[in-house]
Structure formats: structure tokens, C-alpha cells
PDB file of all heavy atoms in Angstrom:
ATOM      1  N   ASP A   1      11.413   4.587   1.612  1.00  0.00           N
ATOM      2  CA  ASP A   1      10.259   4.835   2.480  1.00  0.00           C
ATOM      3  C   ASP A   1       9.231   3.727   2.319  1.00  0.00           C
ATOM      4  O   ASP A   1       8.714   3.188   3.304  1.00  0.00           O
ATOM      5  CB  ASP A   1       9.616   6.185   2.138  1.00  0.00           C
ATOM      6  CG  ASP A   1      10.493   7.362   2.495  1.00  0.00           C
ATOM      7  OD1 ASP A   1      11.365   7.202   3.366  1.00  0.00           O
ATOM      8  OD2 ASP A   1      10.310   8.442   1.907  1.00  0.00           O
ATOM      9  N   LEU A   2       8.909   3.381   1.076  1.00  0.00           N
ATOM     10  CA  LEU A   2       7.900   2.350   0.834  1.00  0.00           C
ATOM     11  C   LEU A   2       8.375   0.996   1.343  1.00  0.00           C
ATOM     12  O   LEU A   2       7.604   0.247   1.954  1.00  0.00           O
ATOM     13  CB  LEU A   2       7.579   2.267  -0.656  1.00  0.00           C
ATOM     14  CG  LEU A   2       6.509   1.234  -1.036  1.00  0.00           C
ATOM     15  CD1 LEU A   2       5.176   1.573  -0.389  1.00  0.00           C
ATOM     16  CD2 LEU A   2       6.361   1.127  -2.545  1.00  0.00           C
ATOM     17  N   THR A   3       9.649   0.662   1.103  1.00  0.00           N
ATOM     18  CA  THR A   3      10.188  -0.621   1.559  1.00  0.00           C
ATOM     19  C   THR A   3      10.050  -0.774   3.066  1.00  0.00           C
ATOM     20  O   THR A   3       9.608  -1.811   3.563  1.00  0.00           O
ATOM     21  CB  THR A   3      11.662  -0.747   1.156  1.00  0.00           C
ATOM     22  OG1 THR A   3      11.781  -0.681  -0.263  1.00  0.00           O
ATOM     23  CG2 THR A   3      12.246  -2.072   1.629  1.00  0.00           C
ATOM     24  N   ARG A   4      10.404   0.265   3.805  1.00  0.00           N
ATOM     25  CA  ARG A   4      10.336   0.190   5.263  1.00  0.00           C
ATOM     26  C   ARG A   4       8.881   0.149   5.749  1.00  0.00           C
ATOM     27  O   ARG A   4       8.548  -0.580   6.676  1.00  0.00           O
ATOM     28  CB  ARG A   4      11.077   1.380   5.884  1.00  0.00           C
ATOM     29  CG  ARG A   4      12.588   1.262   5.804  1.00  0.00           C
ATOM     30  CD  ARG A   4      13.251   2.309   6.675  1.00  0.00           C
ATOM     31  NE  ARG A   4      13.080   3.646   6.130  1.00  0.00           N
ATOM     32  CZ  ARG A   4      13.955   4.263   5.357  1.00  0.00           C
ATOM     33  NH1 ARG A   4      15.063   3.641   5.008  1.00  0.00           N
ATOM     34  NH2 ARG A   4      13.742   5.482   4.917  1.00  0.00           N
ATOM     35  N   MET A   5       8.020   0.955   5.144  1.00  0.00           N
ATOM     36  CA  MET A   5       6.622   0.982   5.575  1.00  0.00           C
ATOM     37  C   MET A   5       5.954  -0.372   5.390  1.00  0.00           C
ATOM     38  O   MET A   5       5.225  -0.856   6.262  1.00  0.00           O
ATOM     39  CB  MET A   5       5.857   2.049   4.794  1.00  0.00           C
ATOM     40  CG  MET A   5       6.202   3.476   5.140  1.00  0.00           C
ATOM     41  SD  MET A   5       5.255   4.622   4.102  1.00  0.00           S
ATOM     42  CE  MET A   5       6.037   6.183   4.529  1.00  0.00           C
ATOM     43  N   VAL A   6       6.170  -0.993   4.240  1.00  0.00           N
ATOM     44  CA  VAL A   6       5.558  -2.295   3.975  1.00  0.00           C
ATOM     45  C   VAL A   6       6.132  -3.343   4.922  1.00  0.00           C
ATOM     46  O   VAL A   6       5.396  -4.176   5.469  1.00  0.00           O
ATOM     47  CB  VAL A   6       5.771  -2.707   2.507  1.00  0.00           C
ATOM     48  CG1 VAL A   6       5.304  -4.141   2.275  1.00  0.00           C
ATOM     49  CG2 VAL A   6       5.021  -1.759   1.572  1.00  0.00           C
ATOM     50  N   ALA A   7       7.452  -3.324   5.134  1.00  0.00           N
ATOM     51  CA  ALA A   7       8.086  -4.305   6.014  1.00  0.00           C
ATOM     52  C   ALA A   7       7.596  -4.169   7.448  1.00  0.00           C
ATOM     53  O   ALA A   7       7.459  -5.165   8.164  1.00  0.00           O
ATOM     54  CB  ALA A   7       9.595  -4.160   5.965  1.00  0.00           C
ATOM     55  N   ASP A   8       7.301  -2.938   7.872  1.00  0.00           N
ATOM     56  CA  ASP A   8       6.840  -2.709   9.239  1.00  0.00           C
ATOM     57  C   ASP A   8       5.366  -3.069   9.428  1.00  0.00           C
ATOM     58  O   ASP A   8       4.897  -3.164  10.562  1.00  0.00           O
ATOM     59  CB  ASP A   8       7.043  -1.243   9.626  1.00  0.00           C
ATOM     60  CG  ASP A   8       8.512  -0.897   9.816  1.00  0.00           C
ATOM     61  OD1 ASP A   8       9.318  -1.836   9.971  1.00  0.00           O
ATOM     62  OD2 ASP A   8       8.848   0.298   9.788  1.00  0.00           O
ATOM     63  N   SER A   9       4.638  -3.240   8.336  1.00  0.00           N
ATOM     64  CA  SER A   9       3.212  -3.549   8.428  1.00  0.00           C
ATOM     65  C   SER A   9       3.007  -5.025   8.751  1.00  0.00           C
ATOM     66  O   SER A   9       3.791  -5.880   8.340  1.00  0.00           O
ATOM     67  CB  SER A   9       2.506  -3.203   7.120  1.00  0.00           C
ATOM     68  OG  SER A   9       2.656  -1.822   6.807  1.00  0.00           O
ATOM     69  N   LYS A  10       1.958  -5.335   9.472  1.00  0.00           N
ATOM     70  CA  LYS A  10       1.691  -6.708   9.873  1.00  0.00           C
ATOM     71  C   LYS A  10       1.195  -7.541   8.695  1.00  0.00           C
ATOM     72  O   LYS A  10       0.450  -7.060   7.840  1.00  0.00           O
ATOM     73  CB  LYS A  10       0.651  -6.738  10.989  1.00  0.00           C
ATOM     74  CG  LYS A  10       1.118  -6.139  12.319  1.00  0.00           C
ATOM     75  CD  LYS A  10       0.038  -6.269  13.377  1.00  0.00           C
ATOM     76  CE  LYS A  10       0.515  -5.703  14.709  1.00  0.00           C
ATOM     77  NZ  LYS A  10      -0.529  -5.813  15.750  1.00  0.00           N
ATOM     78  N   THR A  11       1.634  -8.772   8.673  1.00  0.00           N
ATOM     79  CA  THR A  11       1.148  -9.706   7.669  1.00  0.00           C
ATOM     80  C   THR A  11      -0.359  -9.891   7.829  1.00  0.00           C
ATOM     81  O   THR A  11      -0.854 -10.092   8.933  1.00  0.00           O
ATOM     82  CB  THR A  11       1.851 -11.065   7.820  1.00  0.00           C
ATOM     83  OG1 THR A  11       3.254 -10.890   7.648  1.00  0.00           O
ATOM     84  CG2 THR A  11       1.337 -12.058   6.798  1.00  0.00           C
ATOM     85  N   GLY A  12      -1.078  -9.790   6.717  1.00  0.00           N
ATOM     86  CA  GLY A  12      -2.523  -9.927   6.757  1.00  0.00           C
ATOM     87  C   GLY A  12      -3.260  -8.622   6.951  1.00  0.00           C
ATOM     88  O   GLY A  12      -4.498  -8.586   6.827  1.00  0.00           O
ATOM     89  N   SER A  13      -2.525  -7.539   7.249  1.00  0.00           N
ATOM     90  CA  SER A  13      -3.182  -6.244   7.431  1.00  0.00           C
ATOM     91  C   SER A  13      -3.512  -5.622   6.075  1.00  0.00           C
ATOM     92  O   SER A  13      -2.874  -5.915   5.064  1.00  0.00           O
ATOM     93  CB  SER A  13      -2.293  -5.299   8.236  1.00  0.00           C
ATOM     94  OG  SER A  13      -1.090  -5.016   7.525  1.00  0.00           O
ATOM     95  N   THR A  14      -4.523  -4.771   6.055  1.00  0.00           N
ATOM     96  CA  THR A  14      -4.910  -4.066   4.835  1.00  0.00           C
ATOM     97  C   THR A  14      -4.448  -2.616   4.925  1.00  0.00           C
ATOM     98  O   THR A  14      -4.741  -1.926   5.918  1.00  0.00           O
ATOM     99  CB  THR A  14      -6.438  -4.103   4.636  1.00  0.00           C
ATOM    100  OG1 THR A  14      -6.854  -5.471   4.513  1.00  0.00           O
ATOM    101  CG2 THR A  14      -6.834  -3.355   3.377  1.00  0.00           C
ATOM    102  N   VAL A  15      -3.716  -2.179   3.922  1.00  0.00           N
ATOM    103  CA  VAL A  15      -3.191  -0.811   3.895  1.00  0.00           C
ATOM    104  C   VAL A  15      -3.791  -0.070   2.710  1.00  0.00           C
ATOM    105  O   VAL A  15      -4.212  -0.677   1.715  1.00  0.00           O
ATOM    106  CB  VAL A  15      -1.653  -0.804   3.796  1.00  0.00           C
ATOM    107  CG1 VAL A  15      -1.033  -1.477   5.007  1.00  0.00           C
ATOM    108  CG2 VAL A  15      -1.168  -1.480   2.510  1.00  0.00           C
ATOM    109  N   LYS A  16      -3.834   1.242   2.821  1.00  0.00           N
ATOM    110  CA  LYS A  16      -4.341   2.087   1.742  1.00  0.00           C
ATOM    111  C   LYS A  16      -3.169   2.744   1.024  1.00  0.00           C
ATOM    112  O   LYS A  16      -2.341   3.397   1.662  1.00  0.00           O
ATOM    113  CB  LYS A  16      -5.282   3.161   2.292  1.00  0.00           C
ATOM    114  CG  LYS A  16      -6.591   2.607   2.830  1.00  0.00           C
ATOM    115  CD  LYS A  16      -7.536   3.725   3.228  1.00  0.00           C
ATOM    116  CE  LYS A  16      -8.860   3.167   3.739  1.00  0.00           C
ATOM    117  NZ  LYS A  16      -9.591   2.450   2.668  1.00  0.00           N
ATOM    118  N   LEU A  17      -3.096   2.551  -0.270  1.00  0.00           N
ATOM    119  CA  LEU A  17      -2.053   3.154  -1.092  1.00  0.00           C
ATOM    120  C   LEU A  17      -2.644   4.286  -1.915  1.00  0.00           C
ATOM    121  O   LEU A  17      -3.637   4.093  -2.638  1.00  0.00           O
ATOM    122  CB  LEU A  17      -1.432   2.118  -2.033  1.00  0.00           C
ATOM    123  CG  LEU A  17      -0.722   0.917  -1.396  1.00  0.00           C
ATOM    124  CD1 LEU A  17      -0.171   0.007  -2.485  1.00  0.00           C
ATOM    125  CD2 LEU A  17       0.387   1.370  -0.467  1.00  0.00           C
ATOM    126  N   ASP A  18      -2.075   5.473  -1.788  1.00  0.00           N
ATOM    127  CA  ASP A  18      -2.430   6.586  -2.662  1.00  0.00           C
ATOM    128  C   ASP A  18      -1.512   6.519  -3.875  1.00  0.00           C
ATOM    129  O   ASP A  18      -0.282   6.548  -3.735  1.00  0.00           O
ATOM    130  CB  ASP A  18      -2.244   7.922  -1.942  1.00  0.00           C
ATOM    131  CG  ASP A  18      -3.201   8.075  -0.772  1.00  0.00           C
ATOM    132  OD1 ASP A  18      -4.264   7.432  -0.795  1.00  0.00           O
ATOM    133  OD2 ASP A  18      -2.859   8.809   0.176  1.00  0.00           O
ATOM    134  N   ILE A  19      -2.107   6.418  -5.066  1.00  0.00           N
ATOM    135  CA  ILE A  19      -1.312   6.239  -6.273  1.00  0.00           C
ATOM    136  C   ILE A  19      -1.684   7.271  -7.324  1.00  0.00           C
ATOM    137  O   ILE A  19      -2.766   7.870  -7.286  1.00  0.00           O
ATOM    138  CB  ILE A  19      -1.483   4.819  -6.858  1.00  0.00           C
ATOM    139  CG1 ILE A  19      -2.923   4.615  -7.362  1.00  0.00           C
ATOM    140  CG2 ILE A  19      -1.126   3.761  -5.826  1.00  0.00           C
ATOM    141  CD1 ILE A  19      -3.121   3.318  -8.122  1.00  0.00           C
ATOM    142  N   LEU A  20      -0.764   7.461  -8.253  1.00  0.00           N
ATOM    143  CA  LEU A  20      -1.016   8.253  -9.452  1.00  0.00           C
ATOM    144  C   LEU A  20      -1.063   7.278 -10.617  1.00  0.00           C
ATOM    145  O   LEU A  20      -0.091   6.571 -10.884  1.00  0.00           O
ATOM    146  CB  LEU A  20       0.091   9.277  -9.676  1.00  0.00           C
ATOM    147  CG  LEU A  20      -0.092  10.174 -10.908  1.00  0.00           C
ATOM    148  CD1 LEU A  20      -1.219  11.176 -10.669  1.00  0.00           C
ATOM    149  CD2 LEU A  20       1.211  10.917 -11.236  1.00  0.00           C
ATOM    150  N   ARG A  21      -2.221   7.231 -11.288  1.00  0.00           N
ATOM    151  CA  ARG A  21      -2.397   6.307 -12.405  1.00  0.00           C
ATOM    152  C   ARG A  21      -2.923   7.079 -13.612  1.00  0.00           C
ATOM    153  O   ARG A  21      -4.006   7.646 -13.565  1.00  0.00           O
ATOM    154  CB  ARG A  21      -3.359   5.183 -12.013  1.00  0.00           C
ATOM    155  CG  ARG A  21      -3.722   4.231 -13.163  1.00  0.00           C
ATOM    156  CD  ARG A  21      -4.629   3.118 -12.663  1.00  0.00           C
ATOM    157  NE  ARG A  21      -3.905   2.212 -11.768  1.00  0.00           N
ATOM    158  CZ  ARG A  21      -4.503   1.233 -11.071  1.00  0.00           C
ATOM    159  NH1 ARG A  21      -5.828   1.080 -11.152  1.00  0.00           N
ATOM    160  NH2 ARG A  21      -3.787   0.437 -10.295  1.00  0.00           N
ATOM    161  N   ARG A  22      -2.116   7.089 -14.670  1.00  0.00           N
ATOM    162  CA  ARG A  22      -2.507   7.784 -15.905  1.00  0.00           C
ATOM    163  C   ARG A  22      -2.940   9.215 -15.631  1.00  0.00           C
ATOM    164  O   ARG A  22      -3.936   9.718 -16.174  1.00  0.00           O
ATOM    165  CB  ARG A  22      -3.613   7.020 -16.620  1.00  0.00           C
ATOM    166  CG  ARG A  22      -3.219   5.620 -17.041  1.00  0.00           C
ATOM    167  CD  ARG A  22      -4.360   4.913 -17.758  1.00  0.00           C
ATOM    168  NE  ARG A  22      -4.005   3.540 -18.088  1.00  0.00           N
ATOM    169  CZ  ARG A  22      -3.348   3.173 -19.191  1.00  0.00           C
ATOM    170  NH1 ARG A  22      -2.971   4.087 -20.068  1.00  0.00           N
ATOM    171  NH2 ARG A  22      -3.082   1.898 -19.405  1.00  0.00           N
ATOM    172  N   GLY A  23      -2.187   9.879 -14.761  1.00  0.00           N
ATOM    173  CA  GLY A  23      -2.437  11.285 -14.485  1.00  0.00           C
ATOM    174  C   GLY A  23      -3.498  11.561 -13.444  1.00  0.00           C
ATOM    175  O   GLY A  23      -3.727  12.731 -13.092  1.00  0.00           O
ATOM    176  N   LYS A  24      -4.174  10.534 -12.915  1.00  0.00           N
ATOM    177  CA  LYS A  24      -5.228  10.716 -11.926  1.00  0.00           C
ATOM    178  C   LYS A  24      -4.844  10.045 -10.612  1.00  0.00           C
ATOM    179  O   LYS A  24      -4.261   8.971 -10.605  1.00  0.00           O
ATOM    180  CB  LYS A  24      -6.550  10.139 -12.431  1.00  0.00           C
ATOM    181  CG  LYS A  24      -7.079  10.808 -13.701  1.00  0.00           C
ATOM    182  CD  LYS A  24      -8.396  10.191 -14.127  1.00  0.00           C
ATOM    183  CE  LYS A  24      -8.932  10.861 -15.387  1.00  0.00           C
ATOM    184  NZ  LYS A  24     -10.223  10.260 -15.825  1.00  0.00           N
ATOM    185  N   ARG A  25      -5.216  10.679  -9.517  1.00  0.00           N
ATOM    186  CA  ARG A  25      -4.935  10.121  -8.193  1.00  0.00           C
ATOM    187  C   ARG A  25      -6.061   9.194  -7.757  1.00  0.00           C
ATOM    188  O   ARG A  25      -7.241   9.533  -7.889  1.00  0.00           O
ATOM    189  CB  ARG A  25      -4.727  11.237  -7.165  1.00  0.00           C
ATOM    190  CG  ARG A  25      -3.464  12.058  -7.440  1.00  0.00           C
ATOM    191  CD  ARG A  25      -3.281  13.163  -6.423  1.00  0.00           C
ATOM    192  NE  ARG A  25      -2.093  13.944  -6.720  1.00  0.00           N
ATOM    193  CZ  ARG A  25      -0.934  13.844  -6.067  1.00  0.00           C
ATOM    194  NH1 ARG A  25      -0.824  12.964  -5.079  1.00  0.00           N
ATOM    195  NH2 ARG A  25       0.095  14.590  -6.382  1.00  0.00           N
ATOM    196  N   GLU A  26      -5.655   8.026  -7.222  1.00  0.00           N
ATOM    197  CA  GLU A  26      -6.608   7.038  -6.752  1.00  0.00           C
ATOM    198  C   GLU A  26      -6.120   6.456  -5.430  1.00  0.00           C
ATOM    199  O   GLU A  26      -4.955   6.599  -5.062  1.00  0.00           O
ATOM    200  CB  GLU A  26      -6.769   5.899  -7.776  1.00  0.00           C
ATOM    201  CG  GLU A  26      -7.219   6.331  -9.155  1.00  0.00           C
ATOM    202  CD  GLU A  26      -7.343   5.159 -10.112  1.00  0.00           C
ATOM    203  OE1 GLU A  26      -7.389   4.000  -9.622  1.00  0.00           O
ATOM    204  OE2 GLU A  26      -7.381   5.387 -11.330  1.00  0.00           O
ATOM    205  N   THR A  27      -7.027   5.786  -4.723  1.00  0.00           N
ATOM    206  CA  THR A  27      -6.672   5.077  -3.495  1.00  0.00           C
ATOM    207  C   THR A  27      -7.012   3.600  -3.682  1.00  0.00           C
ATOM    208  O   THR A  27      -8.116   3.262  -4.120  1.00  0.00           O
ATOM    209  CB  THR A  27      -7.428   5.627  -2.290  1.00  0.00           C
ATOM    210  OG1 THR A  27      -7.089   7.014  -2.112  1.00  0.00           O
ATOM    211  CG2 THR A  27      -7.056   4.870  -1.021  1.00  0.00           C
ATOM    212  N   VAL A  28      -6.047   2.746  -3.361  1.00  0.00           N
ATOM    213  CA  VAL A  28      -6.199   1.304  -3.555  1.00  0.00           C
ATOM    214  C   VAL A  28      -5.967   0.608  -2.220  1.00  0.00           C
ATOM    215  O   VAL A  28      -4.993   0.906  -1.511  1.00  0.00           O
ATOM    216  CB  VAL A  28      -5.204   0.774  -4.610  1.00  0.00           C
ATOM    217  CG1 VAL A  28      -5.334  -0.737  -4.759  1.00  0.00           C
ATOM    218  CG2 VAL A  28      -5.420   1.464  -5.946  1.00  0.00           C
ATOM    219  N   ASP A  29      -6.857  -0.327  -1.859  1.00  0.00           N
ATOM    220  CA  ASP A  29      -6.672  -1.141  -0.655  1.00  0.00           C
ATOM    221  C   ASP A  29      -5.910  -2.416  -1.020  1.00  0.00           C
ATOM    222  O   ASP A  29      -6.271  -3.108  -1.975  1.00  0.00           O
ATOM    223  CB  ASP A  29      -8.021  -1.516  -0.049  1.00  0.00           C
ATOM    224  CG  ASP A  29      -8.732  -0.319   0.564  1.00  0.00           C
ATOM    225  OD1 ASP A  29      -8.047   0.668   0.887  1.00  0.00           O
ATOM    226  OD2 ASP A  29      -9.969  -0.365   0.707  1.00  0.00           O
ATOM    227  N   VAL A  30      -4.872  -2.718  -0.242  1.00  0.00           N
ATOM    228  CA  VAL A  30      -4.057  -3.904  -0.488  1.00  0.00           C
ATOM    229  C   VAL A  30      -3.909  -4.679   0.815  1.00  0.00           C
ATOM    230  O   VAL A  30      -3.532  -4.109   1.840  1.00  0.00           O
ATOM    231  CB  VAL A  30      -2.658  -3.545  -1.029  1.00  0.00           C
ATOM    232  CG1 VAL A  30      -1.872  -4.813  -1.334  1.00  0.00           C
ATOM    233  CG2 VAL A  30      -2.753  -2.659  -2.255  1.00  0.00           C
ATOM    234  N   THR A  31      -4.197  -5.972   0.786  1.00  0.00           N
ATOM    235  CA  THR A  31      -3.992  -6.849   1.940  1.00  0.00           C
ATOM    236  C   THR A  31      -2.639  -7.533   1.788  1.00  0.00           C
ATOM    237  O   THR A  31      -2.416  -8.294   0.844  1.00  0.00           O
ATOM    238  CB  THR A  31      -5.105  -7.898   2.046  1.00  0.00           C
ATOM    239  OG1 THR A  31      -6.361  -7.237   2.179  1.00  0.00           O
ATOM    240  CG2 THR A  31      -4.881  -8.802   3.258  1.00  0.00           C
ATOM    241  N   LEU A  32      -1.737  -7.244   2.717  1.00  0.00           N
ATOM    242  CA  LEU A  32      -0.358  -7.712   2.606  1.00  0.00           C
ATOM    243  C   LEU A  32      -0.227  -9.177   3.000  1.00  0.00           C
ATOM    244  O   LEU A  32      -0.908  -9.655   3.912  1.00  0.00           O
ATOM    245  CB  LEU A  32       0.562  -6.857   3.484  1.00  0.00           C
ATOM    246  CG  LEU A  32       0.559  -5.350   3.209  1.00  0.00           C
ATOM    247  CD1 LEU A  32       1.452  -4.641   4.216  1.00  0.00           C
ATOM    248  CD2 LEU A  32       1.031  -5.061   1.783  1.00  0.00           C
ATOM    249  N   ASP A  33       0.689  -9.869   2.327  1.00  0.00           N
ATOM    250  CA  ASP A  33       1.053 -11.235   2.694  1.00  0.00           C
ATOM    251  C   ASP A  33       2.390 -11.218   3.424  1.00  0.00           C
ATOM    252  O   ASP A  33       3.053 -10.179   3.519  1.00  0.00           O
ATOM    253  CB  ASP A  33       1.183 -12.117   1.439  1.00  0.00           C
ATOM    254  CG  ASP A  33      -0.175 -12.489   0.865  1.00  0.00           C
ATOM    255  OD1 ASP A  33      -1.179 -12.327   1.578  1.00  0.00           O
ATOM    256  OD2 ASP A  33      -0.220 -12.920  -0.298  1.00  0.00           O
ATOM    257  N   ALA A  34       2.803 -12.382   3.941  1.00  0.00           N
ATOM    258  CA  ALA A  34       4.127 -12.527   4.531  1.00  0.00           C
ATOM    259  C   ALA A  34       5.164 -12.560   3.419  1.00  0.00           C
ATOM    260  O   ALA A  34       4.931 -13.153   2.359  1.00  0.00           O
ATOM    261  CB  ALA A  34       4.218 -13.801   5.361  1.00  0.00           C
TER     262      ALA A  34
END
């Protein structure tokens, strides 16, 4: 799922990732490269 979602996203676009880090949920913004 993650592989396809990232591949389908436009280069240079910023996506929001919901993550679990050390038992806590966080949201991280990532600007994708080619």
C-alpha cells in the first residue's frame, strides 16, 4: 500500500504520514523527491 501510494504521488508534493513512534501517534509532513 505504501509503495503504491508514494509512487502515485507527484514529485515535489508534500504528503502527511501518520506514524507510530515509541508508542505515540504523530503526523509528519514529507516533501517527496523523484
